[in-house]
């Protein structure tokens, strides 16, 4: 694991402390790591949705459920391949 140093305003640190107590995070680091993981997932989902919209925009005819499912699977396969993940 690598160390990353960052500066936060006092108000944000206070919010992290308060939320950490409520949601039982043992450290600020644990809270921040989870927040970063959640943001990464959110952005990856956004990229995935943009790719689906791009494919949908290419198709001029009305899409039926079968065609839409094929497009989603193709985009998902490309996304997984791009990330180096396995299905």
N, C-alpha and C. Protein backbone atom coordinates (compact mmCIF):
# COMPACT_ATOMS: atom_id res chain seq x y z
N UNK A 1 0.85 -1.17 0.00
CA UNK A 1 0.00 0.00 0.00
C UNK A 1 0.89 1.23 0.00
N UNK A 2 0.47 2.24 -0.72
CA UNK A 2 1.23 3.49 -0.78
C UNK A 2 0.59 4.54 0.10
N UNK A 3 1.40 5.44 0.58
CA UNK A 3 0.92 6.53 1.42
C UNK A 3 0.62 7.74 0.55
N UNK A 4 -0.54 8.35 0.81
CA UNK A 4 -0.93 9.58 0.13
C UNK A 4 -1.25 10.59 1.21
N UNK A 5 -0.65 11.74 1.13
CA UNK A 5 -0.87 12.78 2.12
C UNK A 5 -1.80 13.84 1.53
N UNK A 6 -2.74 14.31 2.32
CA UNK A 6 -3.63 15.36 1.83
C UNK A 6 -4.03 16.27 2.98
N UNK A 7 -4.38 17.48 2.62
CA UNK A 7 -4.81 18.46 3.60
C UNK A 7 -6.32 18.66 3.44
N UNK A 8 -7.01 18.72 4.57
CA UNK A 8 -8.46 18.94 4.57
C UNK A 8 -8.79 20.10 5.50
N UNK A 9 -9.83 20.82 5.16
CA UNK A 9 -10.28 21.91 6.03
C UNK A 9 -10.83 21.32 7.33
N UNK A 10 -10.74 22.11 8.39
CA UNK A 10 -11.18 21.65 9.71
C UNK A 10 -12.63 21.17 9.71
N UNK A 11 -13.48 21.86 8.96
CA UNK A 11 -14.90 21.49 8.90
C UNK A 11 -15.11 20.09 8.32
N UNK A 12 -14.35 19.76 7.31
CA UNK A 12 -14.47 18.44 6.70
C UNK A 12 -13.97 17.36 7.66
N UNK A 13 -12.86 17.64 8.33
CA UNK A 13 -12.32 16.68 9.30
C UNK A 13 -13.33 16.46 10.43
N UNK A 14 -13.97 17.54 10.85
CA UNK A 14 -14.98 17.42 11.91
C UNK A 14 -16.15 16.55 11.44
N UNK A 15 -16.60 16.75 10.19
CA UNK A 15 -17.69 15.92 9.64
C UNK A 15 -17.28 14.45 9.56
N UNK A 16 -16.05 14.21 9.11
CA UNK A 16 -15.55 12.83 9.03
C UNK A 16 -15.55 12.20 10.42
N UNK A 17 -15.09 12.94 11.42
CA UNK A 17 -15.07 12.43 12.80
C UNK A 17 -16.48 12.08 13.28
N UNK A 18 -17.43 12.98 13.03
CA UNK A 18 -18.80 12.76 13.48
C UNK A 18 -19.43 11.56 12.76
N UNK A 19 -19.26 11.50 11.45
CA UNK A 19 -19.84 10.39 10.69
C UNK A 19 -19.16 9.06 11.00
N UNK A 20 -17.87 9.13 11.28
CA UNK A 20 -17.14 7.92 11.65
C UNK A 20 -17.70 7.31 12.92
N UNK A 21 -18.05 8.16 13.88
CA UNK A 21 -18.64 7.67 15.14
C UNK A 21 -20.01 7.04 14.88
N UNK A 22 -20.82 7.72 14.09
CA UNK A 22 -22.18 7.24 13.81
C UNK A 22 -22.15 5.91 13.07
N UNK A 23 -21.25 5.80 12.08
CA UNK A 23 -21.22 4.62 11.22
C UNK A 23 -20.11 3.63 11.58
N UNK A 24 -19.51 3.84 12.74
CA UNK A 24 -18.55 2.90 13.34
C UNK A 24 -17.31 2.64 12.49
N UNK A 25 -16.74 3.70 11.93
CA UNK A 25 -15.43 3.58 11.29
C UNK A 25 -14.39 3.70 12.39
N UNK A 26 -13.40 2.85 12.37
CA UNK A 26 -12.41 2.88 13.45
C UNK A 26 -11.40 4.02 13.28
N UNK A 27 -11.18 4.44 12.03
CA UNK A 27 -10.22 5.54 11.78
C UNK A 27 -10.71 6.42 10.64
N UNK A 28 -10.13 7.62 10.58
CA UNK A 28 -10.41 8.50 9.44
C UNK A 28 -9.96 7.85 8.14
N UNK A 29 -8.83 7.15 8.20
CA UNK A 29 -8.29 6.49 7.01
C UNK A 29 -9.29 5.50 6.44
N UNK A 30 -9.89 4.70 7.30
CA UNK A 30 -10.90 3.72 6.86
C UNK A 30 -12.06 4.43 6.17
N UNK A 31 -12.52 5.52 6.75
CA UNK A 31 -13.62 6.31 6.19
C UNK A 31 -13.24 6.85 4.81
N UNK A 32 -12.05 7.45 4.70
CA UNK A 32 -11.61 8.06 3.45
C UNK A 32 -11.39 7.01 2.37
N UNK A 33 -10.80 5.86 2.73
CA UNK A 33 -10.61 4.78 1.76
C UNK A 33 -11.94 4.34 1.16
N UNK A 34 -12.93 4.15 2.03
CA UNK A 34 -14.24 3.72 1.53
C UNK A 34 -14.88 4.78 0.65
N UNK A 35 -14.72 6.05 1.02
CA UNK A 35 -15.26 7.14 0.21
C UNK A 35 -14.62 7.16 -1.17
N UNK A 36 -13.33 6.92 -1.23
CA UNK A 36 -12.63 6.90 -2.51
C UNK A 36 -13.08 5.71 -3.34
N UNK A 37 -13.20 4.53 -2.71
CA UNK A 37 -13.68 3.34 -3.44
C UNK A 37 -15.07 3.59 -4.01
N UNK A 38 -15.95 4.20 -3.21
CA UNK A 38 -17.31 4.48 -3.67
C UNK A 38 -17.30 5.45 -4.85
N UNK A 39 -16.44 6.47 -4.79
CA UNK A 39 -16.36 7.44 -5.88
C UNK A 39 -15.85 6.79 -7.15
N UNK A 40 -14.86 5.90 -7.03
CA UNK A 40 -14.33 5.19 -8.19
C UNK A 40 -15.44 4.35 -8.83
N UNK A 41 -16.21 3.63 -8.02
CA UNK A 41 -17.31 2.83 -8.56
C UNK A 41 -18.33 3.71 -9.27
N UNK A 42 -18.63 4.86 -8.67
CA UNK A 42 -19.59 5.79 -9.27
C UNK A 42 -19.10 6.27 -10.64
N UNK A 43 -17.84 6.63 -10.74
CA UNK A 43 -17.29 7.12 -12.00
C UNK A 43 -17.19 6.01 -13.05
N UNK A 44 -16.86 4.80 -12.61
CA UNK A 44 -16.82 3.68 -13.55
C UNK A 44 -18.21 3.38 -14.09
N UNK A 45 -19.22 3.49 -13.25
CA UNK A 45 -20.61 3.30 -13.69
C UNK A 45 -20.98 4.38 -14.70
N UNK A 46 -20.55 5.61 -14.45
CA UNK A 46 -20.82 6.72 -15.37
C UNK A 46 -20.18 6.45 -16.73
N UNK A 47 -18.94 5.97 -16.74
CA UNK A 47 -18.27 5.63 -17.99
C UNK A 47 -19.04 4.55 -18.73
N UNK A 48 -19.46 3.53 -18.00
CA UNK A 48 -20.23 2.42 -18.58
C UNK A 48 -21.53 2.94 -19.20
N UNK A 49 -22.24 3.81 -18.48
CA UNK A 49 -23.50 4.34 -18.99
C UNK A 49 -23.28 5.21 -20.22
N UNK A 50 -22.21 5.97 -20.24
CA UNK A 50 -21.90 6.78 -21.43
C UNK A 50 -21.67 5.90 -22.64
N UNK A 51 -20.96 4.78 -22.43
CA UNK A 51 -20.71 3.86 -23.54
C UNK A 51 -22.01 3.25 -24.05
N UNK A 52 -22.90 2.91 -23.15
CA UNK A 52 -24.20 2.37 -23.57
C UNK A 52 -24.96 3.41 -24.37
N UNK A 53 -24.97 4.65 -23.90
CA UNK A 53 -25.67 5.72 -24.62
C UNK A 53 -25.07 5.94 -26.00
N UNK A 54 -23.75 5.82 -26.09
CA UNK A 54 -23.07 5.98 -27.38
C UNK A 54 -23.53 4.89 -28.35
N UNK A 55 -23.59 3.65 -27.88
CA UNK A 55 -24.06 2.56 -28.74
C UNK A 55 -25.52 2.76 -29.12
N UNK A 56 -26.32 3.19 -28.18
CA UNK A 56 -27.73 3.40 -28.45
C UNK A 56 -27.92 4.51 -29.49
N UNK A 57 -27.08 5.53 -29.43
CA UNK A 57 -27.16 6.63 -30.38
C UNK A 57 -26.82 6.21 -31.80
N UNK A 58 -25.99 5.20 -31.94
CA UNK A 58 -25.59 4.71 -33.25
C UNK A 58 -26.77 4.02 -33.94
N UNK A 59 -27.56 3.35 -33.16
CA UNK A 59 -28.70 2.58 -33.68
C UNK A 59 -29.85 3.55 -34.00
N UNK A 60 -30.21 3.65 -35.27
CA UNK A 60 -31.28 4.56 -35.67
C UNK A 60 -32.66 3.93 -35.51
N UNK A 61 -32.74 2.62 -35.69
CA UNK A 61 -34.03 1.95 -35.55
C UNK A 61 -34.38 1.82 -34.07
N UNK A 62 -35.65 1.65 -33.80
CA UNK A 62 -36.09 1.47 -32.42
C UNK A 62 -35.52 0.16 -31.88
N UNK A 63 -34.97 0.22 -30.68
CA UNK A 63 -34.34 -0.96 -30.07
C UNK A 63 -35.36 -1.79 -29.32
N UNK A 64 -35.33 -3.09 -29.57
CA UNK A 64 -36.15 -3.97 -28.75
C UNK A 64 -35.29 -4.45 -27.58
N UNK A 65 -35.91 -5.15 -26.65
CA UNK A 65 -35.21 -5.59 -25.44
C UNK A 65 -34.02 -6.50 -25.77
N UNK A 66 -34.17 -7.36 -26.75
CA UNK A 66 -33.10 -8.29 -27.12
C UNK A 66 -31.89 -7.53 -27.64
N UNK A 67 -32.12 -6.57 -28.54
CA UNK A 67 -31.02 -5.78 -29.11
C UNK A 67 -30.34 -4.94 -28.01
N UNK A 68 -31.12 -4.36 -27.14
CA UNK A 68 -30.57 -3.55 -26.05
C UNK A 68 -29.71 -4.41 -25.13
N UNK A 69 -30.17 -5.62 -24.83
CA UNK A 69 -29.41 -6.55 -24.00
C UNK A 69 -28.08 -6.90 -24.67
N UNK A 70 -28.10 -7.13 -25.99
CA UNK A 70 -26.88 -7.43 -26.73
C UNK A 70 -25.88 -6.27 -26.63
N UNK A 71 -26.39 -5.06 -26.77
CA UNK A 71 -25.54 -3.86 -26.68
C UNK A 71 -24.93 -3.75 -25.29
N UNK A 72 -25.76 -3.94 -24.26
CA UNK A 72 -25.26 -3.85 -22.89
C UNK A 72 -24.17 -4.88 -22.62
N UNK A 73 -24.39 -6.10 -23.10
CA UNK A 73 -23.40 -7.16 -22.90
C UNK A 73 -22.10 -6.84 -23.62
N UNK A 74 -22.20 -6.30 -24.82
CA UNK A 74 -21.01 -5.93 -25.59
C UNK A 74 -20.22 -4.83 -24.86
N UNK A 75 -20.93 -3.82 -24.40
CA UNK A 75 -20.27 -2.72 -23.68
C UNK A 75 -19.64 -3.24 -22.39
N UNK A 76 -20.37 -4.09 -21.67
CA UNK A 76 -19.83 -4.66 -20.43
C UNK A 76 -18.58 -5.47 -20.70
N UNK A 77 -18.60 -6.31 -21.74
CA UNK A 77 -17.43 -7.11 -22.10
C UNK A 77 -16.23 -6.22 -22.42
N UNK A 78 -16.47 -5.15 -23.18
CA UNK A 78 -15.38 -4.22 -23.52
C UNK A 78 -14.85 -3.53 -22.27
N UNK A 79 -15.74 -3.13 -21.38
CA UNK A 79 -15.35 -2.45 -20.15
C UNK A 79 -14.51 -3.37 -19.26
N UNK A 80 -14.95 -4.62 -19.12
CA UNK A 80 -14.22 -5.60 -18.31
C UNK A 80 -12.84 -5.85 -18.91
N UNK A 81 -12.78 -5.99 -20.23
CA UNK A 81 -11.51 -6.21 -20.92
C UNK A 81 -10.58 -5.03 -20.71
N UNK A 82 -11.13 -3.82 -20.84
CA UNK A 82 -10.35 -2.59 -20.67
C UNK A 82 -9.75 -2.50 -19.27
N UNK A 83 -10.49 -2.94 -18.27
CA UNK A 83 -10.04 -2.89 -16.88
C UNK A 83 -9.10 -4.04 -16.53
N UNK A 84 -9.03 -5.04 -17.42
CA UNK A 84 -8.19 -6.19 -17.14
C UNK A 84 -8.81 -7.16 -16.15
N UNK A 85 -10.11 -7.07 -16.01
CA UNK A 85 -10.84 -7.95 -15.09
C UNK A 85 -11.27 -9.21 -15.82
N UNK A 86 -11.74 -10.19 -15.06
CA UNK A 86 -12.31 -11.38 -15.69
C UNK A 86 -13.78 -11.46 -15.32
N UNK A 87 -14.56 -12.03 -16.19
CA UNK A 87 -16.01 -12.10 -16.01
C UNK A 87 -16.40 -13.25 -15.13
